[in-house]
C-alpha atoms as a PDB file:
ATOM      1  CA  UNK A   1     -24.013  11.648  -2.369  1.00  0.00           C
ATOM      2  CA  UNK A   2     -25.910  12.906   0.735  1.00  0.00           C
ATOM      3  CA  UNK A   3     -26.984  11.082   4.024  1.00  0.00           C
ATOM      4  CA  UNK A   4     -30.673  11.345   3.056  1.00  0.00           C
ATOM      5  CA  UNK A   5     -33.135  13.944   1.600  1.00  0.00           C
ATOM      6  CA  UNK A   6     -33.881  15.351   4.986  1.00  0.00           C
ATOM      7  CA  UNK A   7     -30.576  15.255   6.996  1.00  0.00           C
ATOM      8  CA  UNK A   8     -28.826  17.991   5.133  1.00  0.00           C
ATOM      9  CA  UNK A   9     -25.658  15.930   5.438  1.00  0.00           C
ATOM     10  CA  UNK A  10     -23.387  15.814   2.495  1.00  0.00           C
ATOM     11  CA  UNK A  11     -21.013  12.892   2.460  1.00  0.00           C
ATOM     12  CA  UNK A  12     -18.192  12.984  -0.273  1.00  0.00           C
ATOM     13  CA  UNK A  13     -15.436  10.796  -1.312  1.00  0.00           C
ATOM     14  CA  UNK A  14     -12.018  11.695  -0.342  1.00  0.00           C
ATOM     15  CA  UNK A  15      -8.609  11.039  -1.680  1.00  0.00           C
ATOM     16  CA  UNK A  16      -5.737  10.522   0.561  1.00  0.00           C
ATOM     17  CA  UNK A  17      -3.783  13.962  -0.357  1.00  0.00           C
ATOM     18  CA  UNK A  18      -0.425  12.153  -0.482  1.00  0.00           C
ATOM     19  CA  UNK A  19      -1.600   8.611  -1.642  1.00  0.00           C
ATOM     20  CA  UNK A  20      -4.265   9.306  -4.510  1.00  0.00           C
ATOM     21  CA  UNK A  21      -4.527   5.593  -4.888  1.00  0.00           C
ATOM     22  CA  UNK A  22      -6.493   5.483  -1.706  1.00  0.00           C
ATOM     23  CA  UNK A  23      -9.950   6.486  -1.429  1.00  0.00           C
ATOM     24  CA  UNK A  24     -12.412   6.947   1.426  1.00  0.00           C
ATOM     25  CA  UNK A  25     -15.911   6.792  -0.072  1.00  0.00           C
ATOM     26  CA  UNK A  26     -18.939   6.490   2.311  1.00  0.00           C
ATOM     27  CA  UNK A  27     -20.872   4.598  -0.346  1.00  0.00           C
ATOM     28  CA  UNK A  28     -18.008   1.863  -0.565  1.00  0.00           C
ATOM     29  CA  UNK A  29     -17.312  -0.254   2.885  1.00  0.00           C
ATOM     30  CA  UNK A  30     -19.005   2.566   4.994  1.00  0.00           C
ATOM     31  CA  UNK A  31     -15.577   5.046   3.943  1.00  0.00           C
ATOM     32  CA  UNK A  32     -13.080   2.504   4.918  1.00  0.00           C
ATOM     33  CA  UNK A  33      -9.711   3.571   3.059  1.00  0.00           C
ATOM     34  CA  UNK A  34      -9.987   1.362  -0.179  1.00  0.00           C
ATOM     35  CA  UNK A  35      -8.065   1.186  -3.064  1.00  0.00           C
ATOM     36  CA  UNK A  36      -9.088   3.273  -5.964  1.00  0.00           C
ATOM     37  CA  UNK A  37     -11.557   1.646  -8.360  1.00  0.00           C
ATOM     38  CA  UNK A  38     -12.016  -1.497  -6.082  1.00  0.00           C
ATOM     39  CA  UNK A  39     -13.761  -2.511  -2.701  1.00  0.00           C
ATOM     40  CA  UNK A  40     -10.560  -3.859  -1.410  1.00  0.00           C
ATOM     41  CA  UNK A  41      -9.869  -2.353   2.006  1.00  0.00           C
ATOM     42  CA  UNK A  42      -6.071  -1.028   2.665  1.00  0.00           C
ATOM     43  CA  UNK A  43      -6.418  -2.839   6.009  1.00  0.00           C
ATOM     44  CA  UNK A  44      -6.860  -6.264   4.398  1.00  0.00           C
ATOM     45  CA  UNK A  45      -3.725  -5.962   2.306  1.00  0.00           C
ATOM     46  CA  UNK A  46      -1.755  -4.771   5.093  1.00  0.00           C
ATOM     47  CA  UNK A  47      -3.145  -7.817   7.011  1.00  0.00           C
ATOM     48  CA  UNK A  48      -1.914 -10.238   4.506  1.00  0.00           C
ATOM     49  CA  UNK A  49       1.567  -8.388   4.304  1.00  0.00           C
ATOM     50  CA  UNK A  50       2.115  -8.945   8.031  1.00  0.00           C
ATOM     51  CA  UNK A  51       1.180 -12.444   7.840  1.00  0.00           C
ATOM     52  CA  UNK A  52       3.859 -12.793   5.520  1.00  0.00           C
ATOM     53  CA  UNK A  53       1.969 -12.979   1.914  1.00  0.00           C
ATOM     54  CA  UNK A  54       4.219 -11.862  -0.975  1.00  0.00           C
ATOM     55  CA  UNK A  55       3.210  -9.160  -3.399  1.00  0.00           C
ATOM     56  CA  UNK A  56       2.598 -11.977  -5.972  1.00  0.00           C
ATOM     57  CA  UNK A  57       0.416 -13.837  -3.730  1.00  0.00           C
ATOM     58  CA  UNK A  58      -1.742 -10.736  -2.918  1.00  0.00           C
ATOM     59  CA  UNK A  59      -1.890  -9.890  -6.699  1.00  0.00           C
ATOM     60  CA  UNK A  60      -3.063 -13.626  -7.497  1.00  0.00           C
ATOM     61  CA  UNK A  61      -5.802 -13.167  -4.940  1.00  0.00           C
ATOM     62  CA  UNK A  62      -6.732  -9.869  -5.561  1.00  0.00           C
ATOM     63  CA  UNK A  63      -6.358  -9.173  -9.396  1.00  0.00           C
ATOM     64  CA  UNK A  64      -7.775  -5.824  -9.539  1.00  0.00           C
ATOM     65  CA  UNK A  65      -4.507  -4.440  -7.722  1.00  0.00           C
ATOM     66  CA  UNK A  66      -1.306  -3.961  -8.765  1.00  0.00           C
ATOM     67  CA  UNK A  67       2.340  -3.789  -7.395  1.00  0.00           C
ATOM     68  CA  UNK A  68       1.915   0.231  -7.109  1.00  0.00           C
ATOM     69  CA  UNK A  69      -1.365  -0.152  -5.258  1.00  0.00           C
ATOM     70  CA  UNK A  70       0.492  -2.246  -2.570  1.00  0.00           C
ATOM     71  CA  UNK A  71       3.116   0.171  -2.071  1.00  0.00           C
ATOM     72  CA  UNK A  72       0.537   3.042  -1.980  1.00  0.00           C
ATOM     73  CA  UNK A  73      -1.292   1.035   1.095  1.00  0.00           C
ATOM     74  CA  UNK A  74       2.169   1.087   2.665  1.00  0.00           C
ATOM     75  CA  UNK A  75       2.643   4.731   2.173  1.00  0.00           C
ATOM     76  CA  UNK A  76      -0.908   5.363   3.422  1.00  0.00           C
ATOM     77  CA  UNK A  77      -0.322   3.347   6.688  1.00  0.00           C
ATOM     78  CA  UNK A  78       3.113   5.203   7.114  1.00  0.00           C
ATOM     79  CA  UNK A  79       1.196   8.504   6.797  1.00  0.00           C
ATOM     80  CA  UNK A  80      -1.227   7.293   9.399  1.00  0.00           C
ATOM     81  CA  UNK A  81       1.135   6.246  11.727  1.00  0.00           C
ATOM     82  CA  UNK A  82       3.235   9.407  11.433  1.00  0.00           C
ATOM     83  CA  UNK A  83      -0.086  11.368  11.894  1.00  0.00           C
ATOM     84  CA  UNK A  84      -0.700   9.598  15.152  1.00  0.00           C
ATOM     85  CA  UNK A  85       2.669  10.375  16.697  1.00  0.00           C
ATOM     86  CA  UNK A  86       2.575  13.687  15.858  1.00  0.00           C
ATOM     87  CA  UNK A  87      -0.480  14.230  17.510  1.00  0.00           C
ATOM     88  CA  UNK A  88       0.848  12.322  20.757  1.00  0.00           C
ATOM     89  CA  UNK A  89       3.623  14.754  21.029  1.00  0.00           C
END
């Protein structure tokens, strides 16, 4: 994917190196981290977990996801928090 014919910018989909179930694709939700093969942002699932939704509740609402995807979303969030903590040291 490119930023436009004249831009010279190349935008690529990226998978998180430790959590391949999570992708950032500029063509999907402006590159927001989403679950692979879906348009479901990780942020939304983390929000519902924080609000007390169970895995079963989330899977009923988002049938394209799996329980493994939800765990991957948590791993992704933990990695991001860890990266911020290391950068702050």
